Amino acid sequence: MPFIPHTTDYKHTRVIKKKDNKSYSSPEHVKLYKSRRWRNLRAMFVRHNPLCIACKEKNILKECSVVDHIIPVSEGGQFHSWKNLQSLCRTCHARKTAAEVNKRVKERKQNI
């Protein structure tokens, strides 16, 4: 077995730019996601919508793991509105979130 040193100073860290991804930087959003009202709404939504809608459109049946806000709360979407929610798998949610962040970055660069 090869020797693998355990004393390295390297640590991989991921930097989230708070200006671009507002929902992660707002303490008020953290409180909302931890609230009993949100947990109950999320559980009920998953019971009624158990499949990822993005995968379902591609004729793939995949269980949802994320309840996503269609219009992000940071952009004025209603937090507890059933109509503003959709079921997504982690892959589709990551893709949607990355597109939203890239859109905000692009808009900010155009305004400069």
C-alpha atoms as a PDB file:
ATOM      1  CA  MET A   1       0.000   0.000   0.000  1.00  0.00           C
ATOM      2  CA  PRO A   2       1.463   3.408  -0.913  1.00  0.00           C
ATOM      3  CA  PHE A   3       2.294   5.972   1.726  1.00  0.00           C
ATOM      4  CA  ILE A   4      -0.276   8.777   1.863  1.00  0.00           C
ATOM      5  CA  PRO A   5       0.740  11.700   4.046  1.00  0.00           C
ATOM      6  CA  HIS A   6      -1.904  13.024   6.398  1.00  0.00           C
ATOM      7  CA  THR A   7      -0.233  16.347   7.070  1.00  0.00           C
ATOM      8  CA  THR A   8      -1.232  18.459   4.121  1.00  0.00           C
ATOM      9  CA  ASP A   9      -2.191  22.103   4.347  1.00  0.00           C
ATOM     10  CA  TYR A  10      -4.349  21.961   1.224  1.00  0.00           C
ATOM     11  CA  LYS A  11      -8.061  22.369   1.777  1.00  0.00           C
ATOM     12  CA  HIS A  12     -10.530  22.504  -1.069  1.00  0.00           C
ATOM     13  CA  THR A  13     -13.040  25.257  -0.450  1.00  0.00           C
ATOM     14  CA  ARG A  14     -15.948  26.457  -2.516  1.00  0.00           C
ATOM     15  CA  VAL A  15     -16.530  30.179  -2.603  1.00  0.00           C
ATOM     16  CA  ILE A  16     -20.099  31.359  -3.078  1.00  0.00           C
ATOM     17  CA  LYS A  17     -20.370  34.918  -4.283  1.00  0.00           C
ATOM     18  CA  LYS A  18     -23.084  36.355  -2.093  1.00  0.00           C
ATOM     19  CA  LYS A  19     -23.886  39.192  -4.479  1.00  0.00           C
ATOM     20  CA  ASP A  20     -24.832  36.700  -7.192  1.00  0.00           C
ATOM     21  CA  ASN A  21     -26.667  34.133  -5.099  1.00  0.00           C
ATOM     22  CA  LYS A  22     -28.756  36.238  -2.755  1.00  0.00           C
ATOM     23  CA  SER A  23     -30.823  33.412  -1.286  1.00  0.00           C
ATOM     24  CA  TYR A  24     -27.792  31.869   0.434  1.00  0.00           C
ATOM     25  CA  SER A  25     -26.644  35.134   1.967  1.00  0.00           C
ATOM     26  CA  SER A  26     -29.879  36.244   3.583  1.00  0.00           C
ATOM     27  CA  PRO A  27     -30.360  35.252   7.232  1.00  0.00           C
ATOM     28  CA  GLU A  28     -34.112  35.812   6.886  1.00  0.00           C
ATOM     29  CA  HIS A  29     -34.277  33.097   4.203  1.00  0.00           C
ATOM     30  CA  VAL A  30     -32.430  30.684   6.474  1.00  0.00           C
ATOM     31  CA  LYS A  31     -35.064  31.263   9.180  1.00  0.00           C
ATOM     32  CA  LEU A  32     -37.882  30.654   6.692  1.00  0.00           C
ATOM     33  CA  TYR A  33     -36.386  27.365   5.483  1.00  0.00           C
ATOM     34  CA  LYS A  34     -36.051  26.164   9.083  1.00  0.00           C
ATOM     35  CA  SER A  35     -39.631  27.105  10.017  1.00  0.00           C
ATOM     36  CA  ARG A  36     -42.290  24.526  10.821  1.00  0.00           C
ATOM     37  CA  ARG A  37     -44.607  26.111   8.252  1.00  0.00           C
ATOM     38  CA  TRP A  38     -42.058  25.530   5.447  1.00  0.00           C
ATOM     39  CA  ARG A  39     -41.269  21.962   6.533  1.00  0.00           C
ATOM     40  CA  ASN A  40     -44.976  21.073   6.567  1.00  0.00           C
ATOM     41  CA  LEU A  41     -45.615  22.756   3.199  1.00  0.00           C
ATOM     42  CA  ARG A  42     -42.605  21.020   1.663  1.00  0.00           C
ATOM     43  CA  ALA A  43     -43.659  17.601   2.967  1.00  0.00           C
ATOM     44  CA  MET A  44     -47.199  18.061   1.634  1.00  0.00           C
ATOM     45  CA  PHE A  45     -45.894  19.277  -1.734  1.00  0.00           C
ATOM     46  CA  VAL A  46     -43.577  16.265  -2.097  1.00  0.00           C
ATOM     47  CA  ARG A  47     -46.470  13.902  -1.273  1.00  0.00           C
ATOM     48  CA  HIS A  48     -48.518  15.441  -4.089  1.00  0.00           C
ATOM     49  CA  ASN A  49     -45.586  15.902  -6.531  1.00  0.00           C
ATOM     50  CA  PRO A  50     -43.069  13.091  -5.931  1.00  0.00           C
ATOM     51  CA  LEU A  51     -41.332  13.228  -9.346  1.00  0.00           C
ATOM     52  CA  CYS A  52     -38.870  15.735 -10.802  1.00  0.00           C
ATOM     53  CA  ILE A  53     -40.826  17.786 -13.346  1.00  0.00           C
ATOM     54  CA  ALA A  54     -37.772  18.578 -15.492  1.00  0.00           C
ATOM     55  CA  CYS A  55     -36.899  14.883 -15.831  1.00  0.00           C
ATOM     56  CA  LYS A  56     -40.563  14.019 -16.382  1.00  0.00           C
ATOM     57  CA  GLU A  57     -40.613  16.341 -19.421  1.00  0.00           C
ATOM     58  CA  LYS A  58     -37.746  14.240 -20.856  1.00  0.00           C
ATOM     59  CA  ASN A  59     -39.717  11.019 -20.182  1.00  0.00           C
ATOM     60  CA  ILE A  60     -37.454  10.117 -17.262  1.00  0.00           C
ATOM     61  CA  LEU A  61     -39.014   9.114 -13.961  1.00  0.00           C
ATOM     62  CA  LYS A  62     -36.840  10.381 -11.138  1.00  0.00           C
ATOM     63  CA  GLU A  63     -37.792  11.033  -7.541  1.00  0.00           C
ATOM     64  CA  CYS A  64     -37.666  14.659  -6.451  1.00  0.00           C
ATOM     65  CA  SER A  65     -35.267  15.631  -3.702  1.00  0.00           C
ATOM     66  CA  VAL A  66     -35.688  19.422  -3.776  1.00  0.00           C
ATOM     67  CA  VAL A  67     -38.743  21.650  -3.624  1.00  0.00           C
ATOM     68  CA  ASP A  68     -37.714  24.667  -5.668  1.00  0.00           C
ATOM     69  CA  HIS A  69     -39.201  28.140  -5.962  1.00  0.00           C
ATOM     70  CA  ILE A  70     -40.066  28.777  -9.626  1.00  0.00           C
ATOM     71  CA  ILE A  71     -39.551  32.513  -9.159  1.00  0.00           C
ATOM     72  CA  PRO A  72     -36.687  32.866  -6.660  1.00  0.00           C
ATOM     73  CA  VAL A  73     -37.635  34.514  -3.384  1.00  0.00           C
ATOM     74  CA  SER A  74     -34.695  36.895  -3.846  1.00  0.00           C
ATOM     75  CA  GLU A  75     -36.371  38.102  -7.060  1.00  0.00           C
ATOM     76  CA  GLY A  76     -39.805  38.618  -5.528  1.00  0.00           C
ATOM     77  CA  GLY A  77     -41.270  35.105  -5.621  1.00  0.00           C
ATOM     78  CA  GLN A  78     -43.647  34.198  -2.823  1.00  0.00           C
ATOM     79  CA  PHE A  79     -42.055  31.874  -0.299  1.00  0.00           C
ATOM     80  CA  HIS A  80     -45.100  29.903   0.880  1.00  0.00           C
ATOM     81  CA  SER A  81     -47.117  29.952  -2.348  1.00  0.00           C
ATOM     82  CA  TRP A  82     -47.993  26.480  -3.681  1.00  0.00           C
ATOM     83  CA  LYS A  83     -48.096  27.948  -7.215  1.00  0.00           C
ATOM     84  CA  ASN A  84     -44.470  29.092  -6.898  1.00  0.00           C
ATOM     85  CA  LEU A  85     -43.145  25.608  -6.042  1.00  0.00           C
ATOM     86  CA  GLN A  86     -41.883  22.770  -8.221  1.00  0.00           C
ATOM     87  CA  SER A  87     -40.346  19.372  -7.533  1.00  0.00           C
ATOM     88  CA  LEU A  88     -36.818  18.847  -8.874  1.00  0.00           C
ATOM     89  CA  CYS A  89     -34.055  16.285  -8.491  1.00  0.00           C
ATOM     90  CA  ARG A  90     -30.675  17.556  -7.262  1.00  0.00           C
ATOM     91  CA  THR A  91     -29.184  17.596 -10.776  1.00  0.00           C
ATOM     92  CA  CYS A  92     -31.994  19.635 -12.307  1.00  0.00           C
ATOM     93  CA  HIS A  93     -32.048  21.999  -9.315  1.00  0.00           C
ATOM     94  CA  ALA A  94     -28.307  22.593  -9.590  1.00  0.00           C
ATOM     95  CA  ARG A  95     -28.692  23.279 -13.309  1.00  0.00           C
ATOM     96  CA  LYS A  96     -31.558  25.752 -12.694  1.00  0.00           C
ATOM     97  CA  THR A  97     -29.728  27.530  -9.870  1.00  0.00           C
ATOM     98  CA  ALA A  98     -26.536  27.859 -11.935  1.00  0.00           C
ATOM     99  CA  ALA A  99     -28.534  29.368 -14.805  1.00  0.00           C
ATOM    100  CA  GLU A 100     -30.157  31.882 -12.433  1.00  0.00           C
ATOM    101  CA  VAL A 101     -26.805  32.884 -10.922  1.00  0.00           C
ATOM    102  CA  ASN A 102     -25.211  33.214 -14.374  1.00  0.00           C
ATOM    103  CA  LYS A 103     -28.139  35.379 -15.491  1.00  0.00           C
ATOM    104  CA  ARG A 104     -27.669  37.705 -12.481  1.00  0.00           C
ATOM    105  CA  VAL A 105     -23.913  37.946 -13.153  1.00  0.00           C
ATOM    106  CA  LYS A 106     -24.539  38.748 -16.808  1.00  0.00           C
ATOM    107  CA  GLU A 107     -27.149  41.404 -15.945  1.00  0.00           C
ATOM    108  CA  ARG A 108     -24.828  42.973 -13.392  1.00  0.00           C
ATOM    109  CA  LYS A 109     -21.978  43.147 -15.923  1.00  0.00           C
ATOM    110  CA  GLN A 110     -24.268  44.809 -18.458  1.00  0.00           C
ATOM    111  CA  ASN A 111     -25.297  47.447 -15.941  1.00  0.00           C
ATOM    112  CA  ILE A 112     -21.711  48.410 -15.164  1.00  0.00           C
END
